[in-house]
Amino acid sequence: MGIAERMASAERIREAEQACDELRAALTEVGVTLPSLGLDCVSLAADPPYPLVELGRCAPGTARQLAEALSAGVRAEGR
């Protein structure tokens, strides 16, 4: 892999990390914590890496909190 490809791969990983951080912050604002939220290790191991955000597992109560937060957002937008 050449330097340009490595730079592009690093940028994709940075973007995925930023998206993960933004999602974590938004969830925190509505009181939801996804304990397994992070980057998917398998997608980082690809050549070139194609990073994916792993939402992971959560308890049913957390799933309900997330559903309520999403529904409240939709209602606030008038959809």
PDB file of N, CA and C in Angstrom:
ATOM      1  N   MET A   1       0.856  -1.164   0.000  1.00  0.00           N
ATOM      2  CA  MET A   1       0.000   0.000   0.000  1.00  0.00           C
ATOM      3  C   MET A   1       0.902   1.226   0.000  1.00  0.00           C
ATOM      4  N   GLY A   2       0.646   2.147  -0.914  1.00  0.00           N
ATOM      5  CA  GLY A   2       1.439   3.367  -1.031  1.00  0.00           C
ATOM      6  C   GLY A   2       1.055   4.393   0.011  1.00  0.00           C
ATOM      7  N   ILE A   3       1.830   5.453   0.061  1.00  0.00           N
ATOM      8  CA  ILE A   3       1.600   6.498   1.078  1.00  0.00           C
ATOM      9  C   ILE A   3       0.244   7.179   0.888  1.00  0.00           C
ATOM     10  N   ALA A   4      -0.163   7.406  -0.357  1.00  0.00           N
ATOM     11  CA  ALA A   4      -1.463   8.047  -0.600  1.00  0.00           C
ATOM     12  C   ALA A   4      -2.601   7.152  -0.111  1.00  0.00           C
ATOM     13  N   GLU A   5      -2.488   5.853  -0.350  1.00  0.00           N
ATOM     14  CA  GLU A   5      -3.521   4.923   0.104  1.00  0.00           C
ATOM     15  C   GLU A   5      -3.563   4.851   1.626  1.00  0.00           C
ATOM     16  N   ARG A   6      -2.381   4.885   2.254  1.00  0.00           N
ATOM     17  CA  ARG A   6      -2.331   4.863   3.716  1.00  0.00           C
ATOM     18  C   ARG A   6      -2.955   6.120   4.302  1.00  0.00           C
ATOM     19  N   MET A   7      -2.698   7.258   3.668  1.00  0.00           N
ATOM     20  CA  MET A   7      -3.281   8.510   4.140  1.00  0.00           C
ATOM     21  C   MET A   7      -4.798   8.477   3.998  1.00  0.00           C
ATOM     22  N   ALA A   8      -5.281   7.950   2.870  1.00  0.00           N
ATOM     23  CA  ALA A   8      -6.726   7.858   2.656  1.00  0.00           C
ATOM     24  C   ALA A   8      -7.353   6.918   3.675  1.00  0.00           C
ATOM     25  N   SER A   9      -6.685   5.807   3.961  1.00  0.00           N
ATOM     26  CA  SER A   9      -7.182   4.859   4.955  1.00  0.00           C
ATOM     27  C   SER A   9      -7.230   5.498   6.336  1.00  0.00           C
ATOM     28  N   ALA A  10      -6.177   6.213   6.691  1.00  0.00           N
ATOM     29  CA  ALA A  10      -6.133   6.882   7.990  1.00  0.00           C
ATOM     30  C   ALA A  10      -7.249   7.906   8.099  1.00  0.00           C
ATOM     31  N   GLU A  11      -7.546   8.610   7.024  1.00  0.00           N
ATOM     32  CA  GLU A  11      -8.618   9.610   7.032  1.00  0.00           C
ATOM     33  C   GLU A  11      -9.977   8.932   7.220  1.00  0.00           C
ATOM     34  N   ARG A  12     -10.195   7.794   6.554  1.00  0.00           N
ATOM     35  CA  ARG A  12     -11.458   7.064   6.736  1.00  0.00           C
ATOM     36  C   ARG A  12     -11.621   6.611   8.183  1.00  0.00           C
ATOM     37  N   ILE A  13     -10.534   6.180   8.799  1.00  0.00           N
ATOM     38  CA  ILE A  13     -10.594   5.753  10.193  1.00  0.00           C
ATOM     39  C   ILE A  13     -10.889   6.947  11.098  1.00  0.00           C
ATOM     40  N   ARG A  14     -10.232   8.084  10.839  1.00  0.00           N
ATOM     41  CA  ARG A  14     -10.503   9.293  11.636  1.00  0.00           C
ATOM     42  C   ARG A  14     -11.963   9.712  11.512  1.00  0.00           C
ATOM     43  N   GLU A  15     -12.511   9.638  10.296  1.00  0.00           N
ATOM     44  CA  GLU A  15     -13.919   9.994  10.084  1.00  0.00           C
ATOM     45  C   GLU A  15     -14.844   9.062  10.866  1.00  0.00           C
ATOM     46  N   ALA A  16     -14.531   7.783  10.864  1.00  0.00           N
ATOM     47  CA  ALA A  16     -15.352   6.819  11.604  1.00  0.00           C
ATOM     48  C   ALA A  16     -15.251   7.076  13.102  1.00  0.00           C
ATOM     49  N   GLU A  17     -14.051   7.376  13.596  1.00  0.00           N
ATOM     50  CA  GLU A  17     -13.887   7.700  15.020  1.00  0.00           C
ATOM     51  C   GLU A  17     -14.687   8.943  15.384  1.00  0.00           C
ATOM     52  N   GLN A  18     -14.666   9.944  14.516  1.00  0.00           N
ATOM     53  CA  GLN A  18     -15.404  11.176  14.769  1.00  0.00           C
ATOM     54  C   GLN A  18     -16.910  10.903  14.774  1.00  0.00           C
ATOM     55  N   ALA A  19     -17.372  10.105  13.822  1.00  0.00           N
ATOM     56  CA  ALA A  19     -18.798   9.765  13.771  1.00  0.00           C
ATOM     57  C   ALA A  19     -19.214   9.023  15.039  1.00  0.00           C
ATOM     58  N   CYS A  20     -18.363   8.123  15.506  1.00  0.00           N
ATOM     59  CA  CYS A  20     -18.625   7.378  16.732  1.00  0.00           C
ATOM     60  C   CYS A  20     -18.701   8.329  17.925  1.00  0.00           C
ATOM     61  N   ASP A  21     -17.767   9.259  18.002  1.00  0.00           N
ATOM     62  CA  ASP A  21     -17.761  10.242  19.094  1.00  0.00           C
ATOM     63  C   ASP A  21     -19.002  11.126  19.055  1.00  0.00           C
ATOM     64  N   GLU A  22     -19.406  11.539  17.848  1.00  0.00           N
ATOM     65  CA  GLU A  22     -20.597  12.376  17.702  1.00  0.00           C
ATOM     66  C   GLU A  22     -21.847  11.614  18.140  1.00  0.00           C
ATOM     67  N   LEU A  23     -21.932  10.342  17.761  1.00  0.00           N
ATOM     68  CA  LEU A  23     -23.078   9.532  18.152  1.00  0.00           C
ATOM     69  C   LEU A  23     -23.094   9.336  19.660  1.00  0.00           C
ATOM     70  N   ARG A  24     -21.945   9.053  20.259  1.00  0.00           N
ATOM     71  CA  ARG A  24     -21.866   8.873  21.710  1.00  0.00           C
ATOM     72  C   ARG A  24     -22.329  10.150  22.427  1.00  0.00           C
ATOM     73  N   ALA A  25     -21.874  11.300  21.941  1.00  0.00           N
ATOM     74  CA  ALA A  25     -22.255  12.576  22.562  1.00  0.00           C
ATOM     75  C   ALA A  25     -23.760  12.825  22.428  1.00  0.00           C
ATOM     76  N   ALA A  26     -24.319  12.551  21.260  1.00  0.00           N
ATOM     77  CA  ALA A  26     -25.751  12.757  21.047  1.00  0.00           C
ATOM     78  C   ALA A  26     -26.569  11.821  21.926  1.00  0.00           C
ATOM     79  N   LEU A  27     -26.130  10.586  22.054  1.00  0.00           N
ATOM     80  CA  LEU A  27     -26.830   9.637  22.915  1.00  0.00           C
ATOM     81  C   LEU A  27     -26.745  10.059  24.374  1.00  0.00           C
ATOM     82  N   THR A  28     -25.585  10.552  24.782  1.00  0.00           N
ATOM     83  CA  THR A  28     -25.407  11.013  26.153  1.00  0.00           C
ATOM     84  C   THR A  28     -26.365  12.152  26.464  1.00  0.00           C
ATOM     85  N   GLU A  29     -26.595  13.035  25.503  1.00  0.00           N
ATOM     86  CA  GLU A  29     -27.508  14.165  25.705  1.00  0.00           C
ATOM     87  C   GLU A  29     -28.928  13.720  26.024  1.00  0.00           C
ATOM     88  N   VAL A  30     -29.312  12.553  25.508  1.00  0.00           N
ATOM     89  CA  VAL A  30     -30.669  12.060  25.771  1.00  0.00           C
ATOM     90  C   VAL A  30     -30.665  10.935  26.813  1.00  0.00           C
ATOM     91  N   GLY A  31     -29.535  10.771  27.497  1.00  0.00           N
ATOM     92  CA  GLY A  31     -29.455   9.815  28.588  1.00  0.00           C
ATOM     93  C   GLY A  31     -29.291   8.365  28.196  1.00  0.00           C
ATOM     94  N   VAL A  32     -28.780   8.111  26.997  1.00  0.00           N
ATOM     95  CA  VAL A  32     -28.603   6.736  26.528  1.00  0.00           C
ATOM     96  C   VAL A  32     -27.109   6.420  26.437  1.00  0.00           C
ATOM     97  N   THR A  33     -26.738   5.261  26.985  1.00  0.00           N
ATOM     98  CA  THR A  33     -25.361   4.795  26.883  1.00  0.00           C
ATOM     99  C   THR A  33     -25.357   3.431  26.214  1.00  0.00           C
ATOM    100  N   LEU A  34     -24.642   3.317  25.099  1.00  0.00           N
ATOM    101  CA  LEU A  34     -24.438   2.023  24.456  1.00  0.00           C
ATOM    102  C   LEU A  34     -23.038   1.562  24.848  1.00  0.00           C
ATOM    103  N   PRO A  35     -22.929   0.600  25.765  1.00  0.00           N
ATOM    104  CA  PRO A  35     -21.634   0.222  26.308  1.00  0.00           C
ATOM    105  C   PRO A  35     -20.653  -0.303  25.265  1.00  0.00           C
ATOM    106  N   SER A  36     -21.149  -0.905  24.199  1.00  0.00           N
ATOM    107  CA  SER A  36     -20.262  -1.505  23.203  1.00  0.00           C
ATOM    108  C   SER A  36     -20.007  -0.604  22.000  1.00  0.00           C
ATOM    109  N   LEU A  37     -20.447   0.629  22.059  1.00  0.00           N
ATOM    110  CA  LEU A  37     -20.265   1.551  20.939  1.00  0.00           C
ATOM    111  C   LEU A  37     -18.779   1.758  20.670  1.00  0.00           C
ATOM    112  N   GLY A  38     -18.370   1.576  19.435  1.00  0.00           N
ATOM    113  CA  GLY A  38     -16.972   1.756  19.057  1.00  0.00           C
ATOM    114  C   GLY A  38     -16.769   1.382  17.602  1.00  0.00           C
ATOM    115  N   LEU A  39     -15.530   1.340  17.172  1.00  0.00           N
ATOM    116  CA  LEU A  39     -15.236   0.936  15.803  1.00  0.00           C
ATOM    117  C   LEU A  39     -15.176  -0.584  15.716  1.00  0.00           C
ATOM    118  N   ASP A  40     -15.656  -1.117  14.624  1.00  0.00           N
ATOM    119  CA  ASP A  40     -15.655  -2.550  14.373  1.00  0.00           C
ATOM    120  C   ASP A  40     -14.254  -2.989  13.983  1.00  0.00           C
ATOM    121  N   CYS A  41     -13.649  -3.833  14.795  1.00  0.00           N
ATOM    122  CA  CYS A  41     -12.260  -4.265  14.573  1.00  0.00           C
ATOM    123  C   CYS A  41     -12.077  -5.014  13.257  1.00  0.00           C
ATOM    124  N   VAL A  42     -13.045  -5.834  12.887  1.00  0.00           N
ATOM    125  CA  VAL A  42     -12.928  -6.607  11.658  1.00  0.00           C
ATOM    126  C   VAL A  42     -12.858  -5.688  10.438  1.00  0.00           C
ATOM    127  N   SER A  43     -13.673  -4.642  10.436  1.00  0.00           N
ATOM    128  CA  SER A  43     -13.663  -3.729   9.284  1.00  0.00           C
ATOM    129  C   SER A  43     -12.363  -2.931   9.210  1.00  0.00           C
ATOM    130  N   LEU A  44     -11.689  -2.761  10.343  1.00  0.00           N
ATOM    131  CA  LEU A  44     -10.399  -2.062  10.348  1.00  0.00           C
ATOM    132  C   LEU A  44      -9.275  -2.947   9.831  1.00  0.00           C
ATOM    133  N   ALA A  45      -9.486  -4.260   9.884  1.00  0.00           N
ATOM    134  CA  ALA A  45      -8.447  -5.198   9.461  1.00  0.00           C
ATOM    135  C   ALA A  45      -8.443  -5.431   7.952  1.00  0.00           C
ATOM    136  N   ALA A  46      -9.445  -4.938   7.248  1.00  0.00           N
ATOM    137  CA  ALA A  46      -9.505  -5.113   5.794  1.00  0.00           C
ATOM    138  C   ALA A  46      -8.369  -4.339   5.135  1.00  0.00           C
ATOM    139  N   ASP A  47      -8.055  -4.692   3.927  1.00  0.00           N
ATOM    140  CA  ASP A  47      -6.992  -4.009   3.193  1.00  0.00           C
ATOM    141  C   ASP A  47      -7.545  -3.533   1.861  1.00  0.00           C
ATOM    142  N   PRO A  48      -7.871  -2.264   1.699  1.00  0.00           N
ATOM    143  CA  PRO A  48      -7.732  -1.188   2.668  1.00  0.00           C
ATOM    144  C   PRO A  48      -8.859  -1.246   3.696  1.00  0.00           C
ATOM    145  N   PRO A  49      -8.666  -0.605   4.859  1.00  0.00           N
ATOM    146  CA  PRO A  49      -9.701  -0.626   5.885  1.00  0.00           C
ATOM    147  C   PRO A  49     -10.968   0.088   5.426  1.00  0.00           C
ATOM    148  N   TYR A  50     -12.078  -0.480   5.788  1.00  0.00           N
ATOM    149  CA  TYR A  50     -13.387   0.134   5.550  1.00  0.00           C
ATOM    150  C   TYR A  50     -14.085   0.220   6.896  1.00  0.00           C
ATOM    151  N   PRO A  51     -13.734   1.229   7.706  1.00  0.00           N
ATOM    152  CA  PRO A  51     -14.199   1.279   9.089  1.00  0.00           C
ATOM    153  C   PRO A  51     -15.715   1.431   9.216  1.00  0.00           C
ATOM    154  N   LEU A  52     -16.259   0.611  10.106  1.00  0.00           N
ATOM    155  CA  LEU A  52     -17.671   0.670  10.428  1.00  0.00           C
ATOM    156  C   LEU A  52     -17.824   0.970  11.914  1.00  0.00           C
ATOM    157  N   VAL A  53     -18.897   1.652  12.264  1.00  0.00           N
ATOM    158  CA  VAL A  53     -19.205   1.928  13.666  1.00  0.00           C
ATOM    159  C   VAL A  53     -20.049   0.764  14.174  1.00  0.00           C
ATOM    160  N   GLU A  54     -19.581   0.152  15.244  1.00  0.00           N
ATOM    161  CA  GLU A  54     -20.274  -0.969  15.882  1.00  0.00           C
ATOM    162  C   GLU A  54     -21.126  -0.432  17.018  1.00  0.00           C
ATOM    163  N   LEU A  55     -22.439  -0.624  16.925  1.00  0.00           N
ATOM    164  CA  LEU A  55     -23.326  -0.153  17.984  1.00  0.00           C
ATOM    165  C   LEU A  55     -23.347  -1.130  19.148  1.00  0.00           C
ATOM    166  N   GLY A  56     -23.153  -2.391  18.869  1.00  0.00           N
ATOM    167  CA  GLY A  56     -23.045  -3.387  19.919  1.00  0.00           C
ATOM    168  C   GLY A  56     -24.369  -3.775  20.544  1.00  0.00           C
ATOM    169  N   ARG A  57     -24.243  -4.423  21.672  1.00  0.00           N
ATOM    170  CA  ARG A  57     -25.406  -4.929  22.400  1.00  0.00           C
ATOM    171  C   ARG A  57     -25.785  -3.978  23.520  1.00  0.00           C
ATOM    172  N   CYS A  58     -27.068  -4.055  23.894  1.00  0.00           N
ATOM    173  CA  CYS A  58     -27.523  -3.269  25.038  1.00  0.00           C
ATOM    174  C   CYS A  58     -28.691  -3.991  25.680  1.00  0.00           C
ATOM    175  N   ALA A  59     -28.989  -3.604  26.889  1.00  0.00           N
ATOM    176  CA  ALA A  59     -30.114  -4.172  27.625  1.00  0.00           C
ATOM    177  C   ALA A  59     -31.431  -3.676  27.025  1.00  0.00           C
ATOM    178  N   PRO A  60     -32.521  -4.420  27.219  1.00  0.00           N
ATOM    179  CA  PRO A  60     -33.814  -3.994  26.694  1.00  0.00           C
ATOM    180  C   PRO A  60     -34.211  -2.586  27.144  1.00  0.00           C
ATOM    181  N   GLY A  61     -33.920  -2.238  28.380  1.00  0.00           N
ATOM    182  CA  GLY A  61     -34.252  -0.890  28.853  1.00  0.00           C
ATOM    183  C   GLY A  61     -33.515   0.187  28.081  1.00  0.00           C
ATOM    184  N   THR A  62     -32.258  -0.077  27.755  1.00  0.00           N
ATOM    185  CA  THR A  62     -31.478   0.882  26.962  1.00  0.00           C
ATOM    186  C   THR A  62     -32.044   0.979  25.554  1.00  0.00           C
ATOM    187  N   ALA A  63     -32.445  -0.144  24.992  1.00  0.00           N
ATOM    188  CA  ALA A  63     -33.053  -0.138  23.657  1.00  0.00           C
ATOM    189  C   ALA A  63     -34.330   0.702  23.659  1.00  0.00           C
ATOM    190  N   ARG A  64     -35.105   0.584  24.722  1.00  0.00           N
ATOM    191  CA  ARG A  64     -36.336   1.384  24.827  1.00  0.00           C
ATOM    192  C   ARG A  64     -36.020   2.870  24.975  1.00  0.00           C
ATOM    193  N   GLN A  65     -34.979   3.192  25.756  1.00  0.00           N
ATOM    194  CA  GLN A  65     -34.569   4.599  25.885  1.00  0.00           C
ATOM    195  C   GLN A  65     -34.161   5.156  24.529  1.00  0.00           C
ATOM    196  N   LEU A  66     -33.413   4.384  23.776  1.00  0.00           N
ATOM    197  CA  LEU A  66     -32.978   4.821  22.447  1.00  0.00           C
ATOM    198  C   LEU A  66     -34.186   5.013  21.532  1.00  0.00           C
ATOM    199  N   ALA A  67     -35.111   4.076  21.554  1.00  0.00           N
ATOM    200  CA  ALA A  67     -36.313   4.194  20.725  1.00  0.00           C
ATOM    201  C   ALA A  67     -37.117   5.437  21.097  1.00  0.00           C
ATOM    202  N   GLU A  68     -37.240   5.699  22.396  1.00  0.00           N
ATOM    203  CA  GLU A  68     -37.981   6.876  22.846  1.00  0.00           C
ATOM    204  C   GLU A  68     -37.284   8.162  22.411  1.00  0.00           C
ATOM    205  N   ALA A  69     -35.953   8.198  22.525  1.00  0.00           N
ATOM    206  CA  ALA A  69     -35.210   9.393  22.123  1.00  0.00           C
ATOM    207  C   ALA A  69     -35.368   9.649  20.622  1.00  0.00           C
ATOM    208  N   LEU A  70     -35.324   8.596  19.834  1.00  0.00           N
ATOM    209  CA  LEU A  70     -35.510   8.759  18.387  1.00  0.00           C
ATOM    210  C   LEU A  70     -36.932   9.209  18.063  1.00  0.00           C
ATOM    211  N   SER A  71     -37.897   8.600  18.730  1.00  0.00           N
ATOM    212  CA  SER A  71     -39.301   8.986  18.504  1.00  0.00           C
ATOM    213  C   SER A  71     -39.547  10.431  18.906  1.00  0.00           C
ATOM    214  N   ALA A  72     -38.952  10.851  20.018  1.00  0.00           N
ATOM    215  CA  ALA A  72     -39.125  12.237  20.465  1.00  0.00           C
ATOM    216  C   ALA A  72     -38.520  13.193  19.434  1.00  0.00           C
ATOM    217  N   GLY A  73     -37.408  12.832  18.870  1.00  0.00           N
ATOM    218  CA  GLY A  73     -36.790  13.669  17.839  1.00  0.00           C
ATOM    219  C   GLY A  73     -37.661  13.785  16.608  1.00  0.00           C
ATOM    220  N   VAL A  74     -38.265  12.685  16.215  1.00  0.00           N
ATOM    221  CA  VAL A  74     -39.164  12.698  15.053  1.00  0.00           C
ATOM    222  C   VAL A  74     -40.397  13.558  15.357  1.00  0.00           C
ATOM    223  N   ARG A  75     -40.941  13.400  16.557  1.00  0.00           N
ATOM    224  CA  ARG A  75     -42.121  14.220  16.931  1.00  0.00           C
ATOM    225  C   ARG A  75     -41.766  15.692  16.954  1.00  0.00           C
ATOM    226  N   ALA A  76     -40.577  16.027  17.453  1.00  0.00           N
ATOM    227  CA  ALA A  76     -40.152  17.431  17.520  1.00  0.00           C
ATOM    228  C   ALA A  76     -40.001  18.043  16.132  1.00  0.00           C
ATOM    229  N   GLU A  77     -39.643  17.205  15.166  1.00  0.00           N
ATOM    230  CA  GLU A  77     -39.499  17.699  13.795  1.00  0.00           C
ATOM    231  C   GLU A  77     -40.832  17.753  13.066  1.00  0.00           C
ATOM    232  N   GLY A  78     -41.884  17.214  13.685  1.00  0.00           N
ATOM    233  CA  GLY A  78     -43.220  17.269  13.093  1.00  0.00           C
ATOM    234  C   GLY A  78     -43.434  16.253  12.007  1.00  0.00           C
ATOM    235  N   ARG A  79     -42.765  15.159  12.070  1.00  0.00           N
ATOM    236  CA  ARG A  79     -42.951  14.105  11.039  1.00  0.00           C
ATOM    237  C   ARG A  79     -44.052  13.179  11.430  1.00  0.00           C
TER     238      ARG A  79
END
